[in-house]
């Protein structure tokens, strides 16, 4: 399943933007809504442990929970609060 299809399947509200990028072997997922947002790092170890598809689904689920709780404000320096999923 393509990433944007997974985002739609996760049920994010229309006004929320969800992106993914690679940082070395880690994957960084970002969710923003106006001046609010968060990032989640799926480490290479976690991705290997869960697998690409399930790891992405887990990351999107955690970010959806963050949206439901209410995203924190973007920091003054433009960075976002960061969550991390690591492998056991």
PDB file of N, CA and C in Angstrom:
ATOM      1  N   UNK A   1       0.845  -1.171   0.000  1.00  0.00           N
ATOM      2  CA  UNK A   1       0.000   0.000   0.000  1.00  0.00           C
ATOM      3  C   UNK A   1       0.897   1.243   0.000  1.00  0.00           C
ATOM      4  N   UNK A   2       0.559   2.201  -0.826  1.00  0.00           N
ATOM      5  CA  UNK A   2       1.337   3.431  -0.903  1.00  0.00           C
ATOM      6  C   UNK A   2       1.120   4.267   0.355  1.00  0.00           C
ATOM      7  N   UNK A   3       2.119   5.121   0.649  1.00  0.00           N
ATOM      8  CA  UNK A   3       2.101   5.881   1.895  1.00  0.00           C
ATOM      9  C   UNK A   3       0.831   6.718   2.044  1.00  0.00           C
ATOM     10  N   UNK A   4       0.455   7.489   1.038  1.00  0.00           N
ATOM     11  CA  UNK A   4      -0.731   8.342   1.162  1.00  0.00           C
ATOM     12  C   UNK A   4      -2.002   7.511   1.349  1.00  0.00           C
ATOM     13  N   UNK A   5      -2.044   6.314   0.806  1.00  0.00           N
ATOM     14  CA  UNK A   5      -3.184   5.417   1.045  1.00  0.00           C
ATOM     15  C   UNK A   5      -3.215   4.993   2.509  1.00  0.00           C
ATOM     16  N   UNK A   6      -2.035   4.731   3.080  1.00  0.00           N
ATOM     17  CA  UNK A   6      -1.959   4.368   4.493  1.00  0.00           C
ATOM     18  C   UNK A   6      -2.397   5.539   5.374  1.00  0.00           C
ATOM     19  N   UNK A   7      -2.020   6.760   4.984  1.00  0.00           N
ATOM     20  CA  UNK A   7      -2.417   7.944   5.741  1.00  0.00           C
ATOM     21  C   UNK A   7      -3.942   8.073   5.727  1.00  0.00           C
ATOM     22  N   UNK A   8      -4.547   7.920   4.553  1.00  0.00           N
ATOM     23  CA  UNK A   8      -6.011   7.999   4.463  1.00  0.00           C
ATOM     24  C   UNK A   8      -6.662   6.897   5.296  1.00  0.00           C
ATOM     25  N   UNK A   9      -6.097   5.696   5.235  1.00  0.00           N
ATOM     26  CA  UNK A   9      -6.661   4.570   5.992  1.00  0.00           C
ATOM     27  C   UNK A   9      -6.556   4.802   7.502  1.00  0.00           C
ATOM     28  N   UNK A  10      -5.555   5.564   7.940  1.00  0.00           N
ATOM     29  CA  UNK A  10      -5.382   5.855   9.363  1.00  0.00           C
ATOM     30  C   UNK A  10      -6.411   6.868   9.861  1.00  0.00           C
ATOM     31  N   UNK A  11      -7.121   7.520   8.944  1.00  0.00           N
ATOM     32  CA  UNK A  11      -8.220   8.402   9.332  1.00  0.00           C
ATOM     33  C   UNK A  11      -7.828   9.779   9.835  1.00  0.00           C
ATOM     34  N   UNK A  12      -6.709  10.311   9.355  1.00  0.00           N
ATOM     35  CA  UNK A  12      -6.335  11.670   9.751  1.00  0.00           C
ATOM     36  C   UNK A  12      -7.349  12.668   9.210  1.00  0.00           C
ATOM     37  N   UNK A  13      -7.655  13.717   9.974  1.00  0.00           N
ATOM     38  CA  UNK A  13      -8.547  14.769   9.470  1.00  0.00           C
ATOM     39  C   UNK A  13      -7.953  15.432   8.220  1.00  0.00           C
ATOM     40  N   UNK A  14      -8.810  15.959   7.367  1.00  0.00           N
ATOM     41  CA  UNK A  14      -8.366  16.562   6.102  1.00  0.00           C
ATOM     42  C   UNK A  14      -7.377  17.705   6.301  1.00  0.00           C
ATOM     43  N   UNK A  15      -7.510  18.469   7.379  1.00  0.00           N
ATOM     44  CA  UNK A  15      -6.651  19.639   7.591  1.00  0.00           C
ATOM     45  C   UNK A  15      -5.280  19.287   8.172  1.00  0.00           C
ATOM     46  N   UNK A  16      -5.018  18.020   8.374  1.00  0.00           N
ATOM     47  CA  UNK A  16      -3.747  17.555   8.927  1.00  0.00           C
ATOM     48  C   UNK A  16      -2.867  17.047   7.781  1.00  0.00           C
ATOM     49  N   UNK A  17      -1.604  17.502   7.766  1.00  0.00           N
ATOM     50  CA  UNK A  17      -0.632  17.042   6.771  1.00  0.00           C
ATOM     51  C   UNK A  17       0.272  15.994   7.411  1.00  0.00           C
ATOM     52  N   UNK A  18       0.476  14.893   6.702  1.00  0.00           N
ATOM     53  CA  UNK A  18       1.342  13.824   7.182  1.00  0.00           C
ATOM     54  C   UNK A  18       2.374  13.541   6.103  1.00  0.00           C
ATOM     55  N   UNK A  19       3.651  13.593   6.483  1.00  0.00           N
ATOM     56  CA  UNK A  19       4.727  13.319   5.538  1.00  0.00           C
ATOM     57  C   UNK A  19       5.696  12.320   6.155  1.00  0.00           C
ATOM     58  N   UNK A  20       6.529  11.752   5.284  1.00  0.00           N
ATOM     59  CA  UNK A  20       7.558  10.801   5.725  1.00  0.00           C
ATOM     60  C   UNK A  20       8.824  11.098   4.947  1.00  0.00           C
ATOM     61  N   UNK A  21       9.962  11.009   5.640  1.00  0.00           N
ATOM     62  CA  UNK A  21      11.253  11.155   4.961  1.00  0.00           C
ATOM     63  C   UNK A  21      12.253  10.211   5.604  1.00  0.00           C
ATOM     64  N   UNK A  22      13.303   9.942   4.862  1.00  0.00           N
ATOM     65  CA  UNK A  22      14.380   9.077   5.350  1.00  0.00           C
ATOM     66  C   UNK A  22      15.474   9.943   5.960  1.00  0.00           C
ATOM     67  N   UNK A  23      16.046   9.477   7.048  1.00  0.00           N
ATOM     68  CA  UNK A  23      17.200  10.120   7.678  1.00  0.00           C
ATOM     69  C   UNK A  23      18.197   9.010   7.966  1.00  0.00           C
ATOM     70  N   UNK A  24      19.077   8.787   7.019  1.00  0.00           N
ATOM     71  CA  UNK A  24      19.946   7.614   7.104  1.00  0.00           C
ATOM     72  C   UNK A  24      19.075   6.387   6.925  1.00  0.00           C
ATOM     73  N   UNK A  25      19.088   5.483   7.897  1.00  0.00           N
ATOM     74  CA  UNK A  25      18.242   4.288   7.839  1.00  0.00           C
ATOM     75  C   UNK A  25      16.951   4.457   8.647  1.00  0.00           C
ATOM     76  N   UNK A  26      16.840   5.572   9.368  1.00  0.00           N
ATOM     77  CA  UNK A  26      15.631   5.850  10.138  1.00  0.00           C
ATOM     78  C   UNK A  26      14.589   6.506   9.232  1.00  0.00           C
ATOM     79  N   UNK A  27      13.338   6.429   9.648  1.00  0.00           N
ATOM     80  CA  UNK A  27      12.245   7.093   8.933  1.00  0.00           C
ATOM     81  C   UNK A  27      11.608   8.097   9.881  1.00  0.00           C
ATOM     82  N   UNK A  28      11.435   9.312   9.386  1.00  0.00           N
ATOM     83  CA  UNK A  28      10.843  10.363  10.204  1.00  0.00           C
ATOM     84  C   UNK A  28       9.476  10.698   9.628  1.00  0.00           C
ATOM     85  N   UNK A  29       8.468  10.538  10.462  1.00  0.00           N
ATOM     86  CA  UNK A  29       7.089  10.842  10.100  1.00  0.00           C
ATOM     87  C   UNK A  29       6.743  12.171  10.760  1.00  0.00           C
ATOM     88  N   UNK A  30       6.086  13.045  10.017  1.00  0.00           N
ATOM     89  CA  UNK A  30       5.743  14.372  10.532  1.00  0.00           C
ATOM     90  C   UNK A  30       4.258  14.624  10.316  1.00  0.00           C
ATOM     91  N   UNK A  31       3.613  15.100  11.362  1.00  0.00           N
ATOM     92  CA  UNK A  31       2.207  15.472  11.274  1.00  0.00           C
ATOM     93  C   UNK A  31       2.099  16.931  11.699  1.00  0.00           C
ATOM     94  N   UNK A  32       1.449  17.736  10.869  1.00  0.00           N
ATOM     95  CA  UNK A  32       1.272  19.147  11.191  1.00  0.00           C
ATOM     96  C   UNK A  32      -0.168  19.566  10.933  1.00  0.00           C
ATOM     97  N   UNK A  33      -0.569  20.532  11.727  1.00  0.00           N
ATOM     98  CA  UNK A  33      -1.900  21.119  11.591  1.00  0.00           C
ATOM     99  C   UNK A  33      -1.738  22.585  11.970  1.00  0.00           C
ATOM    100  N   UNK A  34      -1.588  23.436  10.969  1.00  0.00           N
ATOM    101  CA  UNK A  34      -1.333  24.846  11.240  1.00  0.00           C
ATOM    102  C   UNK A  34      -0.009  25.025  11.964  1.00  0.00           C
ATOM    103  N   UNK A  35      -0.044  25.692  13.110  1.00  0.00           N
ATOM    104  CA  UNK A  35       1.163  25.949  13.908  1.00  0.00           C
ATOM    105  C   UNK A  35       1.400  24.881  14.970  1.00  0.00           C
ATOM    106  N   UNK A  36       0.856  23.705  14.761  1.00  0.00           N
ATOM    107  CA  UNK A  36       0.985  22.598  15.702  1.00  0.00           C
ATOM    108  C   UNK A  36       1.532  21.386  14.967  1.00  0.00           C
ATOM    109  N   UNK A  37       2.248  20.538  15.682  1.00  0.00           N
ATOM    110  CA  UNK A  37       2.756  19.353  15.017  1.00  0.00           C
ATOM    111  C   UNK A  37       3.646  18.500  15.906  1.00  0.00           C
ATOM    112  N   UNK A  38       4.020  17.359  15.359  1.00  0.00           N
ATOM    113  CA  UNK A  38       4.924  16.430  16.042  1.00  0.00           C
ATOM    114  C   UNK A  38       5.613  15.574  14.997  1.00  0.00           C
ATOM    115  N   UNK A  39       6.742  15.042  15.366  1.00  0.00           N
ATOM    116  CA  UNK A  39       7.474  14.100  14.526  1.00  0.00           C
ATOM    117  C   UNK A  39       7.613  12.791  15.280  1.00  0.00           C
ATOM    118  N   UNK A  40       7.705  11.729  14.532  1.00  0.00           N
ATOM    119  CA  UNK A  40       7.949  10.432  15.121  1.00  0.00           C
ATOM    120  C   UNK A  40       9.074   9.771  14.343  1.00  0.00           C
ATOM    121  N   UNK A  41      10.080   9.307  15.058  1.00  0.00           N
ATOM    122  CA  UNK A  41      11.208   8.618  14.431  1.00  0.00           C
ATOM    123  C   UNK A  41      10.997   7.125  14.575  1.00  0.00           C
ATOM    124  N   UNK A  42      10.960   6.447  13.446  1.00  0.00           N
ATOM    125  CA  UNK A  42      10.940   4.988  13.425  1.00  0.00           C
ATOM    126  C   UNK A  42      12.371   4.570  13.128  1.00  0.00           C
ATOM    127  N   UNK A  43      13.055   4.069  14.149  1.00  0.00           N
ATOM    128  CA  UNK A  43      14.463   3.724  13.979  1.00  0.00           C
ATOM    129  C   UNK A  43      14.618   2.552  13.007  1.00  0.00           C
ATOM    130  N   UNK A  44      15.811   2.436  12.463  1.00  0.00           N
ATOM    131  CA  UNK A  44      16.108   1.327  11.558  1.00  0.00           C
ATOM    132  C   UNK A  44      15.867  -0.009  12.255  1.00  0.00           C
ATOM    133  N   UNK A  45      16.211  -0.086  13.543  1.00  0.00           N
ATOM    134  CA  UNK A  45      16.018  -1.320  14.299  1.00  0.00           C
ATOM    135  C   UNK A  45      14.533  -1.646  14.437  1.00  0.00           C
ATOM    136  N   UNK A  46      13.726  -0.635  14.721  1.00  0.00           N
ATOM    137  CA  UNK A  46      12.282  -0.858  14.849  1.00  0.00           C
ATOM    138  C   UNK A  46      11.687  -1.261  13.509  1.00  0.00           C
ATOM    139  N   UNK A  47      12.146  -0.623  12.441  1.00  0.00           N
ATOM    140  CA  UNK A  47      11.640  -0.968  11.115  1.00  0.00           C
ATOM    141  C   UNK A  47      11.996  -2.411  10.766  1.00  0.00           C
ATOM    142  N   UNK A  48      13.191  -2.825  11.117  1.00  0.00           N
ATOM    143  CA  UNK A  48      13.612  -4.203  10.851  1.00  0.00           C
ATOM    144  C   UNK A  48      12.782  -5.176  11.696  1.00  0.00           C
ATOM    145  N   UNK A  49      12.519  -4.803  12.939  1.00  0.00           N
ATOM    146  CA  UNK A  49      11.774  -5.679  13.840  1.00  0.00           C
ATOM    147  C   UNK A  49      10.312  -5.815  13.395  1.00  0.00           C
ATOM    148  N   UNK A  50       9.671  -4.702  13.062  1.00  0.00           N
ATOM    149  CA  UNK A  50       8.245  -4.723  12.704  1.00  0.00           C
ATOM    150  C   UNK A  50       8.006  -5.013  11.225  1.00  0.00           C
ATOM    151  N   UNK A  51       8.955  -4.635  10.368  1.00  0.00           N
ATOM    152  CA  UNK A  51       8.757  -4.701   8.925  1.00  0.00           C
ATOM    153  C   UNK A  51       8.285  -3.339   8.421  1.00  0.00           C
ATOM    154  N   UNK A  52       8.490  -3.068   7.153  1.00  0.00           N
ATOM    155  CA  UNK A  52       8.185  -1.753   6.575  1.00  0.00           C
ATOM    156  C   UNK A  52       6.710  -1.378   6.706  1.00  0.00           C
ATOM    157  N   UNK A  53       5.825  -2.231   6.245  1.00  0.00           N
ATOM    158  CA  UNK A  53       4.388  -1.925   6.288  1.00  0.00           C
ATOM    159  C   UNK A  53       3.845  -1.810   7.699  1.00  0.00           C
ATOM    160  N   UNK A  54       4.070  -2.822   8.542  1.00  0.00           N
ATOM    161  CA  UNK A  54       3.587  -2.729   9.913  1.00  0.00           C
ATOM    162  C   UNK A  54       4.241  -1.587  10.712  1.00  0.00           C
ATOM    163  N   UNK A  55       5.512  -1.307  10.451  1.00  0.00           N
ATOM    164  CA  UNK A  55       6.182  -0.202  11.127  1.00  0.00           C
ATOM    165  C   UNK A  55       5.556   1.133  10.769  1.00  0.00           C
ATOM    166  N   UNK A  56       5.254   1.301   9.483  1.00  0.00           N
ATOM    167  CA  UNK A  56       4.588   2.526   9.037  1.00  0.00           C
ATOM    168  C   UNK A  56       3.209   2.630   9.667  1.00  0.00           C
ATOM    169  N   UNK A  57       2.468   1.528   9.691  1.00  0.00           N
ATOM    170  CA  UNK A  57       1.132   1.533  10.298  1.00  0.00           C
ATOM    171  C   UNK A  57       1.212   1.898  11.777  1.00  0.00           C
ATOM    172  N   UNK A  58       2.196   1.364  12.487  1.00  0.00           N
ATOM    173  CA  UNK A  58       2.380   1.685  13.907  1.00  0.00           C
ATOM    174  C   UNK A  58       2.701   3.163  14.088  1.00  0.00           C
ATOM    175  N   UNK A  59       3.600   3.688  13.262  1.00  0.00           N
ATOM    176  CA  UNK A  59       3.952   5.107  13.350  1.00  0.00           C
ATOM    177  C   UNK A  59       2.737   5.985  13.101  1.00  0.00           C
ATOM    178  N   UNK A  60       1.949   5.654  12.089  1.00  0.00           N
ATOM    179  CA  UNK A  60       0.757   6.445  11.787  1.00  0.00           C
ATOM    180  C   UNK A  60      -0.269   6.350  12.914  1.00  0.00           C
ATOM    181  N   UNK A  61      -0.392   5.188  13.520  1.00  0.00           N
ATOM    182  CA  UNK A  61      -1.315   5.030  14.647  1.00  0.00           C
ATOM    183  C   UNK A  61      -0.895   5.922  15.809  1.00  0.00           C
ATOM    184  N   UNK A  62       0.392   5.952  16.115  1.00  0.00           N
ATOM    185  CA  UNK A  62       0.883   6.786  17.218  1.00  0.00           C
ATOM    186  C   UNK A  62       0.688   8.267  16.906  1.00  0.00           C
ATOM    187  N   UNK A  63       0.917   8.660  15.650  1.00  0.00           N
ATOM    188  CA  UNK A  63       0.708  10.057  15.286  1.00  0.00           C
ATOM    189  C   UNK A  63      -0.773  10.416  15.302  1.00  0.00           C
ATOM    190  N   UNK A  64      -1.624   9.498  14.917  1.00  0.00           N
ATOM    191  CA  UNK A  64      -3.065   9.758  14.974  1.00  0.00           C
ATOM    192  C   UNK A  64      -3.498   9.965  16.421  1.00  0.00           C
ATOM    193  N   UNK A  65      -2.937   9.187  17.349  1.00  0.00           N
ATOM    194  CA  UNK A  65      -3.230   9.372  18.772  1.00  0.00           C
ATOM    195  C   UNK A  65      -2.786  10.764  19.227  1.00  0.00           C
ATOM    196  N   UNK A  66      -1.628  11.211  18.732  1.00  0.00           N
ATOM    197  CA  UNK A  66      -1.132  12.547  19.089  1.00  0.00           C
ATOM    198  C   UNK A  66      -2.082  13.627  18.573  1.00  0.00           C
ATOM    199  N   UNK A  67      -2.609  13.436  17.365  1.00  0.00           N
ATOM    200  CA  UNK A  67      -3.585  14.384  16.808  1.00  0.00           C
ATOM    201  C   UNK A  67      -4.835  14.397  17.677  1.00  0.00           C
ATOM    202  N   UNK A  68      -5.310  13.232  18.058  1.00  0.00           N
ATOM    203  CA  UNK A  68      -6.519  13.132  18.880  1.00  0.00           C
ATOM    204  C   UNK A  68      -6.334  13.786  20.253  1.00  0.00           C
ATOM    205  N   UNK A  69      -5.121  13.675  20.817  1.00  0.00           N
ATOM    206  CA  UNK A  69      -4.832  14.293  22.118  1.00  0.00           C
ATOM    207  C   UNK A  69      -4.687  15.806  21.991  1.00  0.00           C
ATOM    208  N   UNK A  70      -4.292  16.243  20.813  1.00  0.00           N
ATOM    209  CA  UNK A  70      -4.001  17.660  20.576  1.00  0.00           C
ATOM    210  C   UNK A  70      -2.514  17.839  20.365  1.00  0.00           C
ATOM    211  N   UNK A  71      -2.140  18.289  19.190  1.00  0.00           N
ATOM    212  CA  UNK A  71      -0.725  18.447  18.871  1.00  0.00           C
ATOM    213  C   UNK A  71      -0.121  19.618  19.631  1.00  0.00           C
ATOM    214  N   UNK A  72       1.151  19.481  20.016  1.00  0.00           N
ATOM    215  CA  UNK A  72       1.829  20.601  20.674  1.00  0.00           C
ATOM    216  C   UNK A  72       2.170  21.692  19.649  1.00  0.00           C
ATOM    217  N   UNK A  73       2.356  22.895  20.146  1.00  0.00           N
ATOM    218  CA  UNK A  73       2.741  24.009  19.278  1.00  0.00           C
ATOM    219  C   UNK A  73       4.142  23.765  18.714  1.00  0.00           C
ATOM    220  N   UNK A  74       4.352  24.257  17.498  1.00  0.00           N
ATOM    221  CA  UNK A  74       5.688  24.226  16.902  1.00  0.00           C
ATOM    222  C   UNK A  74       6.593  25.084  17.783  1.00  0.00           C
ATOM    223  N   UNK A  75       7.804  24.609  18.052  1.00  0.00           N
ATOM    224  CA  UNK A  75       8.752  25.354  18.886  1.00  0.00           C
ATOM    225  C   UNK A  75       9.152  26.656  18.203  1.00  0.00           C
ATOM    226  N   UNK A  76       9.609  27.614  18.969  1.00  0.00           N
ATOM    227  CA  UNK A  76       9.993  28.917  18.425  1.00  0.00           C
ATOM    228  C   UNK A  76      11.053  28.812  17.338  1.00  0.00           C
ATOM    229  N   UNK A  77      11.915  27.787  17.422  1.00  0.00           N
ATOM    230  CA  UNK A  77      12.956  27.614  16.408  1.00  0.00           C
ATOM    231  C   UNK A  77      12.459  26.829  15.189  1.00  0.00           C
ATOM    232  N   UNK A  78      11.161  26.509  15.157  1.00  0.00           N
ATOM    233  CA  UNK A  78      10.575  25.814  14.008  1.00  0.00           C
ATOM    234  C   UNK A  78      10.596  24.303  14.102  1.00  0.00           C
ATOM    235  N   UNK A  79      11.201  23.751  15.148  1.00  0.00           N
ATOM    236  CA  UNK A  79      11.241  22.301  15.300  1.00  0.00           C
ATOM    237  C   UNK A  79       9.954  21.809  15.958  1.00  0.00           C
ATOM    238  N   UNK A  80       9.749  20.515  15.864  1.00  0.00           N
ATOM    239  CA  UNK A  80       8.560  19.884  16.428  1.00  0.00           C
ATOM    240  C   UNK A  80       8.939  18.963  17.574  1.00  0.00           C
ATOM    241  N   UNK A  81       7.997  18.726  18.468  1.00  0.00           N
ATOM    242  CA  UNK A  81       8.195  17.719  19.503  1.00  0.00           C
ATOM    243  C   UNK A  81       8.445  16.391  18.797  1.00  0.00           C
ATOM    244  N   UNK A  82       9.363  15.598  19.319  1.00  0.00           N
ATOM    245  CA  UNK A  82       9.738  14.359  18.644  1.00  0.00           C
ATOM    246  C   UNK A  82       9.464  13.154  19.520  1.00  0.00           C
ATOM    247  N   UNK A  83       8.804  12.178  18.932  1.00  0.00           N
ATOM    248  CA  UNK A  83       8.535  10.891  19.558  1.00  0.00           C
ATOM    249  C   UNK A  83       9.437   9.860  18.867  1.00  0.00           C
ATOM    250  N   UNK A  84       9.794   8.775  19.553  1.00  0.00           N
ATOM    251  CA  UNK A  84      10.667   7.779  18.955  1.00  0.00           C
ATOM    252  C   UNK A  84      10.126   6.375  19.214  1.00  0.00           C
ATOM    253  N   UNK A  85      10.097   5.559  18.156  1.00  0.00           N
ATOM    254  CA  UNK A  85       9.806   4.135  18.288  1.00  0.00           C
ATOM    255  C   UNK A  85      11.102   3.392  18.039  1.00  0.00           C
ATOM    256  N   UNK A  86      11.505   2.604  19.007  1.00  0.00           N
ATOM    257  CA  UNK A  86      12.757   1.857  18.870  1.00  0.00           C
ATOM    258  C   UNK A  86      12.483   0.372  18.893  1.00  0.00           C
ATOM    259  N   UNK A  87      13.386  -0.393  18.328  1.00  0.00           N
ATOM    260  CA  UNK A  87      13.273  -1.846  18.376  1.00  0.00           C
ATOM    261  C   UNK A  87      13.696  -2.359  19.737  1.00  0.00           C
ATOM    262  N   UNK A  88      13.176  -3.504  20.130  1.00  0.00           N
ATOM    263  CA  UNK A  88      13.529  -4.109  21.424  1.00  0.00           C
ATOM    264  C   UNK A  88      14.876  -4.776  21.343  1.00  0.00           C
TER     265      UNK A  88
END
